[in-house]
Protein backbone atom coordinates (compact mmCIF):
# COMPACT_ATOMS: atom_id res chain seq x y z
CA MET A 1 -63.39 26.68 -32.37
CA PHE A 2 -63.06 26.26 -36.20
CA GLU A 3 -60.40 28.05 -38.56
CA ILE A 4 -59.77 28.33 -42.05
CA TYR A 5 -57.19 30.10 -44.22
CA VAL A 6 -56.46 31.61 -47.55
CA GLU A 7 -53.32 32.52 -48.96
CA GLY A 8 -52.05 34.47 -51.66
CA SER A 9 -49.40 36.71 -53.19
CA PHE A 10 -48.46 40.16 -54.82
CA SER A 11 -45.31 41.78 -55.74
CA ALA A 12 -44.49 45.43 -54.50
CA GLY A 13 -41.68 47.79 -53.76
CA HIS A 14 -40.92 49.66 -50.44
CA ALA A 15 -38.02 51.45 -48.71
CA LEU A 16 -37.91 51.54 -45.00
CA ARG A 17 -37.68 54.94 -43.54
CA GLY A 18 -35.57 55.50 -40.34
CA TYR A 19 -33.95 52.14 -40.68
CA LYS A 20 -30.25 51.68 -40.97
CA GLY A 21 -29.40 49.13 -43.18
CA LYS A 22 -30.18 47.66 -46.66
CA CYS A 23 -33.77 47.96 -46.29
CA GLU A 24 -33.67 51.73 -46.04
CA ASN A 25 -32.63 51.55 -50.13
CA LEU A 26 -35.92 50.98 -52.32
CA HIS A 27 -36.15 46.85 -53.05
CA GLY A 28 -39.14 44.64 -53.52
CA HIS A 29 -40.78 41.42 -52.40
CA ASN A 30 -42.88 38.81 -53.93
CA TYR A 31 -45.32 39.00 -50.73
CA LYS A 32 -47.34 36.09 -49.23
CA VAL A 33 -50.36 36.68 -47.31
CA ARG A 34 -52.52 34.41 -45.11
CA LEU A 35 -55.91 35.58 -43.98
CA THR A 36 -57.25 33.33 -40.89
CA LEU A 37 -60.80 33.36 -40.08
CA SER A 38 -62.10 31.61 -36.80
CA GLY A 39 -65.47 30.96 -35.70
CA HIS A 40 -67.39 28.61 -33.66
CA GLY A 41 -69.99 27.25 -35.72
CA LEU A 42 -70.78 26.09 -39.11
CA ASP A 43 -73.62 26.70 -41.47
CA ASP A 44 -75.97 24.32 -42.92
CA ALA A 45 -73.71 23.07 -45.37
CA GLY A 46 -71.04 22.49 -42.69
CA LEU A 47 -69.05 25.73 -43.43
CA LEU A 48 -67.38 28.08 -41.45
CA CYS A 49 -67.35 30.67 -44.48
CA ASP A 50 -67.17 29.96 -48.08
CA PHE A 51 -63.33 30.09 -49.15
CA VAL A 52 -64.83 32.16 -52.02
CA VAL A 53 -65.32 34.99 -49.96
CA LEU A 54 -62.81 34.90 -47.83
CA LYS A 55 -60.39 34.55 -50.92
CA GLN A 56 -62.34 37.61 -52.56
CA ALA A 57 -61.64 40.01 -49.55
CA MET A 58 -58.13 39.08 -49.70
CA ARG A 59 -57.63 39.80 -53.83
CA GLU A 60 -59.27 43.06 -53.48
CA VAL A 61 -56.64 44.19 -50.94
CA MET A 62 -53.76 42.57 -53.04
CA ALA A 63 -54.82 44.11 -56.08
CA SER A 64 -54.77 47.70 -54.60
CA LEU A 65 -50.91 47.11 -53.53
CA ASP A 66 -49.89 44.89 -56.45
CA HIS A 67 -46.96 46.04 -58.29
CA LYS A 68 -46.73 49.43 -56.36
CA TYR A 69 -44.44 51.47 -54.54
CA LEU A 70 -45.51 51.21 -51.27
CA ASN A 71 -44.46 54.25 -50.03
CA ASP A 72 -46.38 56.51 -52.11
CA GLU A 73 -49.37 54.43 -51.11
CA ALA A 74 -51.87 55.58 -48.19
CA PRO A 75 -51.17 54.66 -45.31
CA PHE A 76 -47.51 53.78 -46.23
CA ASP A 77 -46.81 57.26 -47.18
CA LYS A 78 -47.20 57.97 -43.45
CA ILE A 79 -46.09 54.97 -41.83
CA ASN A 80 -43.34 52.46 -42.64
CA PRO A 81 -44.30 49.66 -45.22
CA SER A 82 -42.94 47.07 -42.66
CA ALA A 83 -44.28 43.54 -42.79
CA GLU A 84 -46.02 44.24 -39.59
CA ASN A 85 -47.76 47.56 -40.79
CA LEU A 86 -48.82 45.37 -43.84
CA ALA A 87 -50.24 42.52 -41.90
CA LYS A 88 -52.41 45.17 -39.53
CA TYR A 89 -53.35 46.90 -42.87
CA PHE A 90 -54.63 43.66 -44.58
CA TYR A 91 -56.58 42.60 -41.02
CA ASP A 92 -58.24 46.02 -41.19
CA GLN A 93 -59.16 46.19 -45.02
CA ALA A 94 -60.13 42.52 -45.38
CA SER A 95 -62.47 42.57 -42.21
CA GLU A 96 -64.32 45.79 -43.86
CA ARG A 97 -65.01 43.48 -46.88
CA LEU A 98 -66.22 40.42 -44.67
CA PRO A 99 -69.91 40.06 -44.26
CA GLU A 100 -71.37 40.45 -40.86
CA ASN A 101 -72.22 36.99 -39.39
CA GLY A 102 -74.23 36.31 -36.05
CA ALA A 103 -72.19 33.31 -35.24
CA GLY A 104 -69.03 34.97 -34.14
CA LEU A 105 -67.36 34.93 -37.23
CA ARG A 106 -64.04 36.76 -37.28
CA LEU A 107 -60.57 37.29 -38.96
CA SER A 108 -58.51 36.04 -36.13
CA SER A 109 -55.27 36.75 -37.82
CA VAL A 110 -53.03 38.00 -40.84
CA THR A 111 -49.73 36.89 -41.73
CA VAL A 112 -47.52 38.34 -44.31
CA TRP A 113 -44.07 36.84 -45.82
CA GLU A 114 -41.55 38.99 -47.16
CA THR A 115 -39.57 35.93 -47.98
CA ASP A 116 -39.67 32.25 -47.63
CA THR A 117 -38.28 32.35 -44.24
CA THR A 118 -39.64 35.66 -42.61
CA ALA A 119 -42.74 37.05 -41.84
CA ALA A 120 -45.08 38.86 -39.49
CA THR A 121 -48.29 38.28 -38.09
CA TYR A 122 -51.26 40.73 -36.81
CA ARG A 123 -53.55 39.29 -34.27
CA PRO A 124 -56.17 41.58 -32.78
CA ASP A 125 -56.48 41.61 -28.96
CA GLY A 126 -58.65 38.75 -27.75
CA PHE A 127 -56.77 35.90 -29.98
CA ALA A 128 -54.01 33.84 -28.45
CA ALA A 129 -51.17 33.40 -30.20
CA ARG A 130 -50.82 29.82 -31.93
CA SER A 131 -47.62 27.73 -31.26
CA ASP A 132 -47.11 27.89 -34.96
CA SER A 133 -46.79 31.66 -35.11
CA SER A 134 -44.12 33.01 -37.76
CA ARG A 135 -42.26 35.05 -35.06
């Protein structure tokens, strides 16, 4: 199996509802996001997927959240804008933007960092956790 990934960053504010501690207050992060794509085969050029395609999917999702108060944006107006929920949101949104591929190409994980030392990863069922996962 082959894997490729792209990373990007965006800035946003949020407050965690129902949380007892400093993070229940309005605060912001410079988020870092990694999208990892997996597949079994390479195309005729020897690529799993063009990085440009994966970067574009990531940038579109980031642009919708950049410099926003996440609690006001769907779906985070209903669910907490935690790093875990952001990772799942990026997975869902980016997956919709990637082209169909008959070779089993699939977004295998999304990791969202709130700080240099704290992150959450979403991995759909069927993908085993990697030994270097962030949590």
